[in-house]
PDB file of N, CA and C in Angstrom:
ATOM      1  N   UNK A   1      37.451 -66.178-113.695  1.00  0.00           N
ATOM      2  CA  UNK A   1      35.634 -65.850-114.236  1.00  0.00           C
ATOM      3  C   UNK A   1      35.547 -66.572-115.510  1.00  0.00           C
ATOM      4  N   UNK A   2      34.764 -67.245-115.856  1.00  0.00           N
ATOM      5  CA  UNK A   2      34.504 -67.796-117.423  1.00  0.00           C
ATOM      6  C   UNK A   2      33.532 -67.791-118.470  1.00  0.00           C
ATOM      7  N   UNK A   3      34.078 -67.890-119.123  1.00  0.00           N
ATOM      8  CA  UNK A   3      33.195 -66.997-120.487  1.00  0.00           C
ATOM      9  C   UNK A   3      31.754 -67.952-120.795  1.00  0.00           C
ATOM     10  N   UNK A   4      30.991 -67.723-121.105  1.00  0.00           N
ATOM     11  CA  UNK A   4      29.769 -67.627-121.894  1.00  0.00           C
ATOM     12  C   UNK A   4      29.875 -68.052-123.037  1.00  0.00           C
ATOM     13  N   UNK A   5      29.402 -69.474-123.874  1.00  0.00           N
ATOM     14  CA  UNK A   5      29.544 -69.592-125.608  1.00  0.00           C
ATOM     15  C   UNK A   5      28.453 -68.874-126.002  1.00  0.00           C
ATOM     16  N   UNK A   6      28.801 -68.465-126.970  1.00  0.00           N
ATOM     17  CA  UNK A   6      28.243 -67.732-127.862  1.00  0.00           C
ATOM     18  C   UNK A   6      26.628 -67.876-128.385  1.00  0.00           C
ATOM     19  N   UNK A   7      26.896 -69.332-128.337  1.00  0.00           N
ATOM     20  CA  UNK A   7      25.491 -69.623-128.401  1.00  0.00           C
ATOM     21  C   UNK A   7      24.538 -69.813-127.673  1.00  0.00           C
ATOM     22  N   UNK A   8      24.904 -70.102-125.986  1.00  0.00           N
ATOM     23  CA  UNK A   8      23.786 -69.506-125.549  1.00  0.00           C
ATOM     24  C   UNK A   8      22.828 -68.301-125.260  1.00  0.00           C
ATOM     25  N   UNK A   9      24.273 -67.029-125.615  1.00  0.00           N
ATOM     26  CA  UNK A   9      23.853 -66.496-125.228  1.00  0.00           C
ATOM     27  C   UNK A   9      22.479 -65.786-126.495  1.00  0.00           C
ATOM     28  N   UNK A  10      23.128 -65.987-127.882  1.00  0.00           N
ATOM     29  CA  UNK A  10      21.785 -66.058-128.295  1.00  0.00           C
ATOM     30  C   UNK A  10      20.809 -66.312-128.568  1.00  0.00           C
ATOM     31  N   UNK A  11      20.724 -67.984-127.753  1.00  0.00           N
ATOM     32  CA  UNK A  11      19.757 -68.710-127.610  1.00  0.00           C
ATOM     33  C   UNK A  11      18.796 -67.997-126.442  1.00  0.00           C
ATOM     34  N   UNK A  12      19.230 -67.054-125.301  1.00  0.00           N
ATOM     35  CA  UNK A  12      18.413 -66.644-124.778  1.00  0.00           C
ATOM     36  C   UNK A  12      18.396 -65.732-124.895  1.00  0.00           C
ATOM     37  N   UNK A  13      18.920 -64.298-125.665  1.00  0.00           N
ATOM     38  CA  UNK A  13      19.110 -63.002-126.065  1.00  0.00           C
ATOM     39  C   UNK A  13      17.628 -63.252-126.730  1.00  0.00           C
ATOM     40  N   UNK A  14      16.163 -62.892-126.200  1.00  0.00           N
ATOM     41  CA  UNK A  14      14.904 -63.088-127.094  1.00  0.00           C
ATOM     42  C   UNK A  14      14.060 -62.460-125.897  1.00  0.00           C
ATOM     43  N   UNK A  15      13.038 -62.020-126.895  1.00  0.00           N
ATOM     44  CA  UNK A  15      12.181 -61.070-125.774  1.00  0.00           C
ATOM     45  C   UNK A  15      10.909 -62.727-125.361  1.00  0.00           C
ATOM     46  N   UNK A  16      11.279 -62.321-123.717  1.00  0.00           N
ATOM     47  CA  UNK A  16      10.396 -62.663-122.617  1.00  0.00           C
ATOM     48  C   UNK A  16       9.206 -62.377-121.952  1.00  0.00           C
ATOM     49  N   UNK A  17       8.215 -63.724-121.447  1.00  0.00           N
ATOM     50  CA  UNK A  17       7.240 -62.906-120.704  1.00  0.00           C
ATOM     51  C   UNK A  17       7.658 -62.463-119.811  1.00  0.00           C
ATOM     52  N   UNK A  18       7.024 -61.061-118.396  1.00  0.00           N
ATOM     53  CA  UNK A  18       7.189 -60.426-117.986  1.00  0.00           C
ATOM     54  C   UNK A  18       6.388 -60.655-117.304  1.00  0.00           C
ATOM     55  N   UNK A  19       6.661 -62.061-115.268  1.00  0.00           N
ATOM     56  CA  UNK A  19       6.220 -61.917-114.235  1.00  0.00           C
ATOM     57  C   UNK A  19       5.895 -60.694-113.698  1.00  0.00           C
ATOM     58  N   UNK A  20       5.920 -59.736-114.027  1.00  0.00           N
ATOM     59  CA  UNK A  20       5.374 -58.789-112.994  1.00  0.00           C
ATOM     60  C   UNK A  20       4.644 -58.778-112.076  1.00  0.00           C
ATOM     61  N   UNK A  21       3.179 -59.646-112.040  1.00  0.00           N
ATOM     62  CA  UNK A  21       2.380 -59.854-111.283  1.00  0.00           C
ATOM     63  C   UNK A  21       1.332 -61.036-111.819  1.00  0.00           C
ATOM     64  N   UNK A  22       0.769 -61.377-110.186  1.00  0.00           N
ATOM     65  CA  UNK A  22       0.494 -62.787-111.102  1.00  0.00           C
ATOM     66  C   UNK A  22      -0.782 -62.997-109.848  1.00  0.00           C
ATOM     67  N   UNK A  23      -2.223 -62.634-110.457  1.00  0.00           N
ATOM     68  CA  UNK A  23      -2.417 -63.583-111.885  1.00  0.00           C
ATOM     69  C   UNK A  23      -1.895 -61.582-112.909  1.00  0.00           C
ATOM     70  N   UNK A  24      -1.455 -62.232-114.439  1.00  0.00           N
ATOM     71  CA  UNK A  24      -1.146 -60.927-114.881  1.00  0.00           C
ATOM     72  C   UNK A  24      -2.912 -60.620-115.184  1.00  0.00           C
ATOM     73  N   UNK A  25      -2.628 -59.325-115.678  1.00  0.00           N
ATOM     74  CA  UNK A  25      -3.222 -58.278-115.773  1.00  0.00           C
ATOM     75  C   UNK A  25      -4.404 -59.122-116.449  1.00  0.00           C
ATOM     76  N   UNK A  26      -4.612 -58.894-117.322  1.00  0.00           N
ATOM     77  CA  UNK A  26      -6.188 -59.732-118.549  1.00  0.00           C
ATOM     78  C   UNK A  26      -7.144 -60.558-117.031  1.00  0.00           C
ATOM     79  N   UNK A  27      -6.541 -60.840-116.223  1.00  0.00           N
ATOM     80  CA  UNK A  27      -7.626 -61.822-115.356  1.00  0.00           C
ATOM     81  C   UNK A  27      -7.838 -61.212-113.942  1.00  0.00           C
ATOM     82  N   UNK A  28      -7.634 -60.199-113.600  1.00  0.00           N
ATOM     83  CA  UNK A  28      -8.395 -58.873-112.975  1.00  0.00           C
ATOM     84  C   UNK A  28      -9.483 -58.448-113.336  1.00  0.00           C
ATOM     85  N   UNK A  29     -10.248 -58.293-112.163  1.00  0.00           N
ATOM     86  CA  UNK A  29     -11.921 -57.834-113.165  1.00  0.00           C
ATOM     87  C   UNK A  29     -12.435 -56.954-110.890  1.00  0.00           C
ATOM     88  N   UNK A  30     -13.199 -56.931-110.630  1.00  0.00           N
ATOM     89  CA  UNK A  30     -13.704 -56.186-110.175  1.00  0.00           C
ATOM     90  C   UNK A  30     -15.197 -56.716-109.641  1.00  0.00           C
ATOM     91  N   UNK A  31     -15.298 -58.517-110.026  1.00  0.00           N
ATOM     92  CA  UNK A  31     -16.277 -58.923-110.241  1.00  0.00           C
ATOM     93  C   UNK A  31     -16.245 -60.086-108.041  1.00  0.00           C
ATOM     94  N   UNK A  32     -14.580 -59.968-108.585  1.00  0.00           N
ATOM     95  CA  UNK A  32     -14.460 -61.142-107.394  1.00  0.00           C
ATOM     96  C   UNK A  32     -13.920 -60.411-106.496  1.00  0.00           C
ATOM     97  N   UNK A  33     -14.986 -60.419-105.000  1.00  0.00           N
ATOM     98  CA  UNK A  33     -15.307 -60.209-103.535  1.00  0.00           C
ATOM     99  C   UNK A  33     -14.667 -60.837-102.467  1.00  0.00           C
ATOM    100  N   UNK A  34     -15.202 -60.322-101.577  1.00  0.00           N
ATOM    101  CA  UNK A  34     -14.598 -61.562 -99.748  1.00  0.00           C
ATOM    102  C   UNK A  34     -15.584 -62.253-100.234  1.00  0.00           C
ATOM    103  N   UNK A  35     -17.340 -62.405-100.679  1.00  0.00           N
ATOM    104  CA  UNK A  35     -17.982 -63.209-100.612  1.00  0.00           C
ATOM    105  C   UNK A  35     -17.143 -64.431-101.893  1.00  0.00           C
ATOM    106  N   UNK A  36     -16.623 -64.090-103.273  1.00  0.00           N
ATOM    107  CA  UNK A  36     -16.173 -65.507-103.827  1.00  0.00           C
ATOM    108  C   UNK A  36     -14.454 -65.523-103.205  1.00  0.00           C
ATOM    109  N   UNK A  37     -14.221 -65.551-102.237  1.00  0.00           N
ATOM    110  CA  UNK A  37     -13.066 -65.523-102.161  1.00  0.00           C
ATOM    111  C   UNK A  37     -13.199 -66.359-101.347  1.00  0.00           C
ATOM    112  N   UNK A  38     -14.399 -66.055 -99.610  1.00  0.00           N
ATOM    113  CA  UNK A  38     -14.879 -66.975 -98.809  1.00  0.00           C
ATOM    114  C   UNK A  38     -15.235 -68.639 -99.652  1.00  0.00           C
ATOM    115  N   UNK A  39     -15.885 -68.579-100.990  1.00  0.00           N
ATOM    116  CA  UNK A  39     -16.098 -69.641-101.531  1.00  0.00           C
ATOM    117  C   UNK A  39     -15.217 -70.145-102.638  1.00  0.00           C
ATOM    118  N   UNK A  40     -14.070 -69.940-103.154  1.00  0.00           N
ATOM    119  CA  UNK A  40     -13.082 -70.519-103.187  1.00  0.00           C
ATOM    120  C   UNK A  40     -12.880 -71.167-102.423  1.00  0.00           C
ATOM    121  N   UNK A  41     -12.073 -70.496-101.110  1.00  0.00           N
ATOM    122  CA  UNK A  41     -11.508 -71.036-100.891  1.00  0.00           C
ATOM    123  C   UNK A  41     -12.359 -72.762 -99.330  1.00  0.00           C
ATOM    124  N   UNK A  42     -13.332 -72.610 -99.637  1.00  0.00           N
ATOM    125  CA  UNK A  42     -14.315 -73.821 -98.966  1.00  0.00           C
ATOM    126  C   UNK A  42     -14.206 -74.692-100.133  1.00  0.00           C
ATOM    127  N   UNK A  43     -14.371 -74.562-101.721  1.00  0.00           N
ATOM    128  CA  UNK A  43     -15.441 -75.923-101.958  1.00  0.00           C
ATOM    129  C   UNK A  43     -14.272 -75.072-103.370  1.00  0.00           C
ATOM    130  N   UNK A  44     -12.686 -75.677-103.376  1.00  0.00           N
ATOM    131  CA  UNK A  44     -11.932 -75.010-105.010  1.00  0.00           C
ATOM    132  C   UNK A  44     -12.674 -76.237-105.946  1.00  0.00           C
ATOM    133  N   UNK A  45     -13.064 -75.735-106.995  1.00  0.00           N
ATOM    134  CA  UNK A  45     -13.124 -76.134-108.416  1.00  0.00           C
ATOM    135  C   UNK A  45     -11.965 -77.478-108.346  1.00  0.00           C
ATOM    136  N   UNK A  46     -12.190 -79.170-108.864  1.00  0.00           N
ATOM    137  CA  UNK A  46     -11.160 -79.351-108.721  1.00  0.00           C
ATOM    138  C   UNK A  46     -10.380 -79.250-110.523  1.00  0.00           C
ATOM    139  N   UNK A  47     -11.106 -79.112-110.853  1.00  0.00           N
ATOM    140  CA  UNK A  47     -10.378 -78.771-112.566  1.00  0.00           C
ATOM    141  C   UNK A  47     -10.009 -77.251-112.456  1.00  0.00           C
ATOM    142  N   UNK A  48      -9.743 -76.961-111.471  1.00  0.00           N
ATOM    143  CA  UNK A  48      -9.268 -75.349-111.418  1.00  0.00           C
ATOM    144  C   UNK A  48      -8.350 -74.877-109.691  1.00  0.00           C
ATOM    145  N   UNK A  49      -7.320 -75.068-110.611  1.00  0.00           N
ATOM    146  CA  UNK A  49      -6.382 -74.577-108.864  1.00  0.00           C
ATOM    147  C   UNK A  49      -6.565 -73.380-108.318  1.00  0.00           C
ATOM    148  N   UNK A  50      -6.129 -73.136-107.532  1.00  0.00           N
ATOM    149  CA  UNK A  50      -5.932 -72.030-106.684  1.00  0.00           C
ATOM    150  C   UNK A  50      -4.981 -71.478-106.030  1.00  0.00           C
ATOM    151  N   UNK A  51      -4.500 -70.364-106.231  1.00  0.00           N
ATOM    152  CA  UNK A  51      -2.621 -69.973-105.713  1.00  0.00           C
ATOM    153  C   UNK A  51      -3.771 -68.550-105.019  1.00  0.00           C
ATOM    154  N   UNK A  52      -2.342 -68.273-104.332  1.00  0.00           N
ATOM    155  CA  UNK A  52      -1.874 -67.192-103.803  1.00  0.00           C
ATOM    156  C   UNK A  52      -0.524 -67.205-103.909  1.00  0.00           C
ATOM    157  N   UNK A  53      -0.814 -65.325-103.730  1.00  0.00           N
ATOM    158  CA  UNK A  53       0.239 -64.844-104.582  1.00  0.00           C
ATOM    159  C   UNK A  53       0.482 -63.825-102.815  1.00  0.00           C
ATOM    160  N   UNK A  54       1.834 -63.705-102.901  1.00  0.00           N
ATOM    161  CA  UNK A  54       1.940 -62.829-101.678  1.00  0.00           C
ATOM    162  C   UNK A  54       3.567 -62.473-102.237  1.00  0.00           C
ATOM    163  N   UNK A  55       3.281 -60.290-102.135  1.00  0.00           N
ATOM    164  CA  UNK A  55       4.679 -59.568-102.651  1.00  0.00           C
ATOM    165  C   UNK A  55       5.196 -59.402-101.651  1.00  0.00           C
ATOM    166  N   UNK A  56       6.331 -59.344-101.546  1.00  0.00           N
ATOM    167  CA  UNK A  56       7.723 -58.421-100.142  1.00  0.00           C
ATOM    168  C   UNK A  56       7.843 -57.587-100.719  1.00  0.00           C
ATOM    169  N   UNK A  57       7.475 -56.444-101.182  1.00  0.00           N
ATOM    170  CA  UNK A  57       8.303 -55.551-101.772  1.00  0.00           C
ATOM    171  C   UNK A  57       9.598 -55.263-101.360  1.00  0.00           C
ATOM    172  N   UNK A  58      10.963 -54.553-102.055  1.00  0.00           N
ATOM    173  CA  UNK A  58      11.973 -54.715-101.633  1.00  0.00           C
ATOM    174  C   UNK A  58      13.025 -53.545-102.334  1.00  0.00           C
ATOM    175  N   UNK A  59      11.978 -52.386-103.608  1.00  0.00           N
ATOM    176  CA  UNK A  59      12.289 -51.459-103.358  1.00  0.00           C
ATOM    177  C   UNK A  59      11.566 -50.061-102.649  1.00  0.00           C
ATOM    178  N   UNK A  60      12.954 -49.110-102.043  1.00  0.00           N
ATOM    179  CA  UNK A  60      12.590 -48.220-101.423  1.00  0.00           C
ATOM    180  C   UNK A  60      11.943 -47.037-102.346  1.00  0.00           C
ATOM    181  N   UNK A  61      12.305 -47.154-103.673  1.00  0.00           N
ATOM    182  CA  UNK A  61      10.855 -46.175-104.283  1.00  0.00           C
ATOM    183  C   UNK A  61      10.801 -46.843-105.451  1.00  0.00           C
ATOM    184  N   UNK A  62       9.748 -46.509-106.124  1.00  0.00           N
ATOM    185  CA  UNK A  62       9.093 -46.743-107.919  1.00  0.00           C
ATOM    186  C   UNK A  62      10.474 -46.414-109.008  1.00  0.00           C
TER     187      UNK A  62
END
């Protein structure tokens, strides 16, 4: 078994962002529907990326 240097533990022992969903909650809204999805797929704007996130659940319960 190897040991981890204390300096390394202290460096990474800080709160970080939670990536529990993508996009994050502030970016979700009800104004994006099927028509917006089709439009985004047909012609994504060059200054705005288009991402696809697929989640595969792995828990049997919450």
